[in-house]
N, C-alpha and C. Protein backbone atom coordinates (compact mmCIF):
# COMPACT_ATOMS: atom_id res chain seq x y z
N UNK A 1 178.27 -118.67 130.77
CA UNK A 1 179.71 -118.84 131.05
C UNK A 1 180.01 -119.40 129.49
N UNK A 2 181.12 -118.55 129.15
CA UNK A 2 181.60 -119.03 127.47
C UNK A 2 182.82 -119.69 127.77
N UNK A 3 183.08 -120.31 126.50
CA UNK A 3 184.57 -121.17 126.66
C UNK A 3 185.12 -120.67 125.40
N UNK A 4 186.71 -120.50 125.45
CA UNK A 4 187.31 -120.39 124.41
C UNK A 4 188.04 -121.54 123.49
N UNK A 5 187.70 -121.54 122.29
CA UNK A 5 187.95 -122.92 121.59
C UNK A 5 189.07 -122.51 120.85
N UNK A 6 190.34 -123.07 120.62
CA UNK A 6 191.64 -123.07 119.96
C UNK A 6 191.21 -123.76 118.58
N UNK A 7 191.29 -122.93 117.44
CA UNK A 7 191.18 -123.73 116.06
C UNK A 7 192.56 -123.50 115.31
N UNK A 8 193.23 -124.57 115.04
CA UNK A 8 194.33 -124.62 114.37
C UNK A 8 194.32 -125.41 112.78
N UNK A 9 195.34 -125.23 112.16
CA UNK A 9 195.74 -125.74 111.05
C UNK A 9 194.70 -125.39 109.85
N UNK A 10 194.33 -124.01 110.34
CA UNK A 10 193.03 -123.80 109.58
C UNK A 10 193.77 -123.40 107.77
N UNK A 11 193.08 -123.53 106.89
CA UNK A 11 193.61 -123.14 105.47
C UNK A 11 193.58 -121.56 105.40
N UNK A 12 194.52 -120.96 104.90
CA UNK A 12 195.05 -119.58 104.72
C UNK A 12 194.07 -118.71 104.16
N UNK A 13 193.10 -119.41 103.33
CA UNK A 13 192.12 -118.56 102.76
C UNK A 13 190.73 -118.36 103.36
N UNK A 14 190.64 -119.22 104.70
CA UNK A 14 189.54 -119.14 105.46
C UNK A 14 189.30 -117.81 106.23
N UNK A 15 188.03 -117.24 106.09
CA UNK A 15 187.89 -115.95 106.73
C UNK A 15 187.38 -116.03 108.14
N UNK A 16 187.15 -115.07 108.76
CA UNK A 16 186.23 -115.21 110.11
C UNK A 16 185.20 -115.27 109.88
N UNK A 17 184.48 -115.08 108.83
CA UNK A 17 183.09 -115.21 108.43
C UNK A 17 182.95 -116.70 108.08
N UNK A 18 183.65 -117.55 107.46
CA UNK A 18 183.87 -118.76 107.10
C UNK A 18 183.87 -119.46 108.37
N UNK A 19 184.70 -119.34 109.38
CA UNK A 19 185.04 -119.87 110.49
C UNK A 19 183.62 -119.95 111.39
N UNK A 20 183.01 -118.54 111.36
CA UNK A 20 181.80 -118.64 112.16
C UNK A 20 180.65 -119.32 111.87
N UNK A 21 180.67 -119.29 110.22
CA UNK A 21 179.52 -120.16 109.75
C UNK A 21 179.75 -121.51 110.05
N UNK A 22 180.77 -122.23 110.06
CA UNK A 22 181.12 -123.58 110.44
C UNK A 22 180.69 -123.72 111.98
N UNK A 23 180.84 -122.87 112.71
CA UNK A 23 180.73 -123.04 114.25
C UNK A 23 179.50 -123.03 114.73
N UNK A 24 178.59 -121.98 113.73
CA UNK A 24 177.40 -121.57 114.24
C UNK A 24 176.34 -122.87 113.67
N UNK A 25 176.86 -123.83 112.98
CA UNK A 25 176.16 -124.77 112.93
C UNK A 25 176.06 -125.84 114.06
N UNK A 26 176.79 -125.61 115.24
CA UNK A 26 176.75 -126.32 116.38
C UNK A 26 176.54 -125.38 117.89
N UNK A 27 175.91 -124.04 117.62
CA UNK A 27 175.58 -123.20 118.55
C UNK A 27 175.91 -121.95 118.51
N UNK A 28 175.72 -120.87 119.49
CA UNK A 28 175.77 -119.53 118.71
C UNK A 28 177.13 -119.19 119.02
N UNK A 29 177.70 -118.36 118.25
CA UNK A 29 179.18 -118.28 118.46
C UNK A 29 179.19 -116.58 119.10
N UNK A 30 179.95 -116.42 120.05
CA UNK A 30 180.04 -114.98 120.63
C UNK A 30 180.86 -114.13 119.93
N UNK A 31 182.29 -114.83 119.46
CA UNK A 31 183.38 -113.82 118.80
C UNK A 31 184.21 -115.15 118.22
N UNK A 32 185.01 -114.51 117.03
CA UNK A 32 185.74 -115.14 116.24
C UNK A 32 187.03 -114.40 116.10
N UNK A 33 188.08 -115.01 116.39
CA UNK A 33 189.39 -114.11 116.20
C UNK A 33 190.49 -114.91 115.59
N UNK A 34 190.71 -114.61 114.28
CA UNK A 34 191.91 -115.06 113.53
C UNK A 34 193.15 -114.39 113.87
N UNK A 35 194.19 -115.23 114.06
CA UNK A 35 195.41 -114.42 114.40
C UNK A 35 196.02 -114.36 113.04
N UNK A 36 196.88 -113.12 112.73
CA UNK A 36 197.57 -112.78 111.53
C UNK A 36 198.89 -112.36 112.03
N UNK A 37 200.13 -112.54 111.23
CA UNK A 37 201.28 -112.29 111.31
C UNK A 37 201.38 -110.81 111.60
N UNK A 38 202.06 -110.22 112.73
CA UNK A 38 202.30 -108.61 112.82
C UNK A 38 202.56 -107.82 111.80
N UNK A 39 203.72 -108.29 111.37
CA UNK A 39 204.47 -107.67 110.14
C UNK A 39 203.88 -107.89 108.94
N UNK A 40 203.28 -109.16 108.41
CA UNK A 40 202.83 -109.17 106.75
C UNK A 40 201.63 -108.79 107.03
N UNK A 41 200.36 -108.98 108.09
CA UNK A 41 199.14 -109.02 108.01
C UNK A 41 198.53 -110.31 107.43
N UNK A 42 199.55 -111.31 107.14
CA UNK A 42 198.80 -112.57 106.69
C UNK A 42 198.34 -113.39 107.51
N UNK A 43 197.33 -114.10 107.42
CA UNK A 43 196.65 -115.25 108.48
C UNK A 43 197.89 -116.26 108.85
N UNK A 44 197.76 -116.60 110.23
CA UNK A 44 198.97 -117.54 110.28
C UNK A 44 198.28 -118.91 110.73
N UNK A 45 196.97 -119.31 110.18
CA UNK A 45 196.59 -120.52 109.83
C UNK A 45 195.89 -121.16 111.38
N UNK A 46 195.70 -119.88 112.17
CA UNK A 46 194.82 -120.47 113.69
C UNK A 46 194.09 -119.27 114.14
N UNK A 47 193.14 -119.52 115.40
CA UNK A 47 192.35 -118.49 115.95
C UNK A 47 191.82 -119.14 117.06
N UNK A 48 190.86 -118.19 117.70
CA UNK A 48 190.00 -118.71 118.73
C UNK A 48 188.47 -118.57 118.43
N UNK A 49 187.69 -119.28 118.75
CA UNK A 49 186.10 -118.94 118.75
C UNK A 49 185.75 -119.10 120.06
N UNK A 50 184.70 -118.61 120.58
CA UNK A 50 184.23 -118.06 121.88
C UNK A 50 182.70 -118.60 121.72
N UNK A 51 182.43 -119.63 122.39
CA UNK A 51 180.60 -120.12 122.53
C UNK A 51 180.61 -120.38 123.92
N UNK A 52 179.28 -120.85 124.32
CA UNK A 52 178.77 -121.19 125.39
C UNK A 52 179.55 -122.71 125.69
N UNK A 53 179.85 -123.10 127.03
CA UNK A 53 180.34 -124.05 127.51
C UNK A 53 179.86 -125.53 126.62
N UNK A 54 178.45 -125.56 126.42
CA UNK A 54 177.70 -126.93 126.20
C UNK A 54 177.99 -126.69 124.52
N UNK A 55 177.63 -125.76 123.72
CA UNK A 55 178.01 -125.47 122.36
C UNK A 55 179.32 -125.64 122.06
N UNK A 56 180.32 -125.21 122.87
CA UNK A 56 181.71 -125.51 122.36
C UNK A 56 182.11 -126.89 122.50
N UNK A 57 181.43 -127.67 123.49
CA UNK A 57 181.74 -129.22 123.57
C UNK A 57 181.30 -130.05 122.16
N UNK A 58 179.97 -129.52 121.79
CA UNK A 58 179.39 -130.06 120.49
C UNK A 58 180.64 -129.73 119.45
N UNK A 59 180.68 -128.30 119.32
CA UNK A 59 181.66 -128.17 118.06
C UNK A 59 183.06 -128.86 118.18
N UNK A 60 183.57 -128.77 119.37
CA UNK A 60 184.95 -129.59 119.41
C UNK A 60 184.82 -131.06 118.82
N UNK A 61 183.64 -131.86 119.63
CA UNK A 61 183.57 -133.11 119.07
C UNK A 61 183.02 -133.29 117.60
N UNK A 62 182.43 -132.13 117.16
CA UNK A 62 182.12 -132.47 115.61
C UNK A 62 183.07 -131.74 114.69
N UNK A 63 184.12 -130.87 114.68
CA UNK A 63 184.99 -130.17 113.85
C UNK A 63 186.22 -130.65 114.12
N UNK A 64 186.80 -131.29 115.34
CA UNK A 64 188.08 -131.57 115.50
C UNK A 64 188.48 -132.70 114.20
N UNK A 65 189.46 -132.50 113.32
CA UNK A 65 190.08 -133.53 112.67
C UNK A 65 189.24 -133.22 111.09
N UNK A 66 188.15 -132.30 111.08
CA UNK A 66 187.43 -132.41 109.93
C UNK A 66 188.16 -131.49 108.85
N UNK A 67 188.05 -131.86 107.68
CA UNK A 67 188.76 -131.38 106.45
C UNK A 67 188.26 -130.13 105.91
N UNK A 68 188.92 -129.37 105.67
CA UNK A 68 188.44 -127.77 104.90
C UNK A 68 189.84 -127.57 103.94
N UNK A 69 189.36 -127.63 102.80
CA UNK A 69 190.22 -127.33 101.67
C UNK A 69 191.61 -128.13 101.65
N UNK A 70 191.33 -129.37 102.12
CA UNK A 70 192.42 -130.50 102.08
C UNK A 70 193.40 -130.39 103.62
N UNK A 71 192.97 -129.35 104.65
CA UNK A 71 193.57 -129.37 105.91
C UNK A 71 192.84 -129.94 106.89
N UNK A 72 193.41 -130.83 107.69
CA UNK A 72 192.30 -131.29 108.79
C UNK A 72 192.66 -130.44 110.08
N UNK A 73 191.55 -129.64 110.44
CA UNK A 73 191.57 -128.59 111.35
C UNK A 73 191.59 -129.35 112.69
N UNK A 74 192.50 -128.47 113.74
CA UNK A 74 192.48 -129.20 114.98
C UNK A 74 191.61 -128.02 115.67
N UNK A 75 190.68 -128.85 116.53
CA UNK A 75 189.82 -127.83 117.53
C UNK A 75 190.04 -128.48 118.99
N UNK A 76 190.23 -127.52 119.71
CA UNK A 76 190.34 -128.02 121.12
C UNK A 76 189.94 -126.86 122.10
N UNK A 77 189.80 -127.26 123.48
CA UNK A 77 189.58 -126.14 124.44
C UNK A 77 191.11 -125.42 124.55
N UNK A 78 190.84 -124.10 124.55
CA UNK A 78 192.03 -122.99 124.36
C UNK A 78 192.47 -123.23 126.11
N UNK A 79 193.90 -123.08 125.87
CA UNK A 79 194.51 -123.30 127.27
C UNK A 79 195.07 -121.89 127.44
N UNK A 80 195.07 -121.32 128.84
CA UNK A 80 195.48 -120.05 128.99
C UNK A 80 196.92 -119.77 128.87
N UNK A 81 197.16 -118.59 128.12
CA UNK A 81 198.97 -118.53 128.11
C UNK A 81 199.48 -118.36 129.76
N UNK A 82 200.75 -118.67 129.83
CA UNK A 82 201.50 -118.40 130.87
C UNK A 82 202.46 -117.38 130.64
């Protein structure tokens, strides 16, 4: 069973492979999806990481509030959209 994790306040120069590398330190990453602006194609500074429930809990605990390039990232359980 996998868990979707919301990752926010990312530095705009952080790539999907950068995010994957950080999360892989805490378990196996199923997928990484960084959201880009539809019109400009520029990163919007947030995305989603998919991991097993156990690994997700470890990653959230370890990475929430951690600084990357001067920005404290937000990491928590992704909530379904309504």
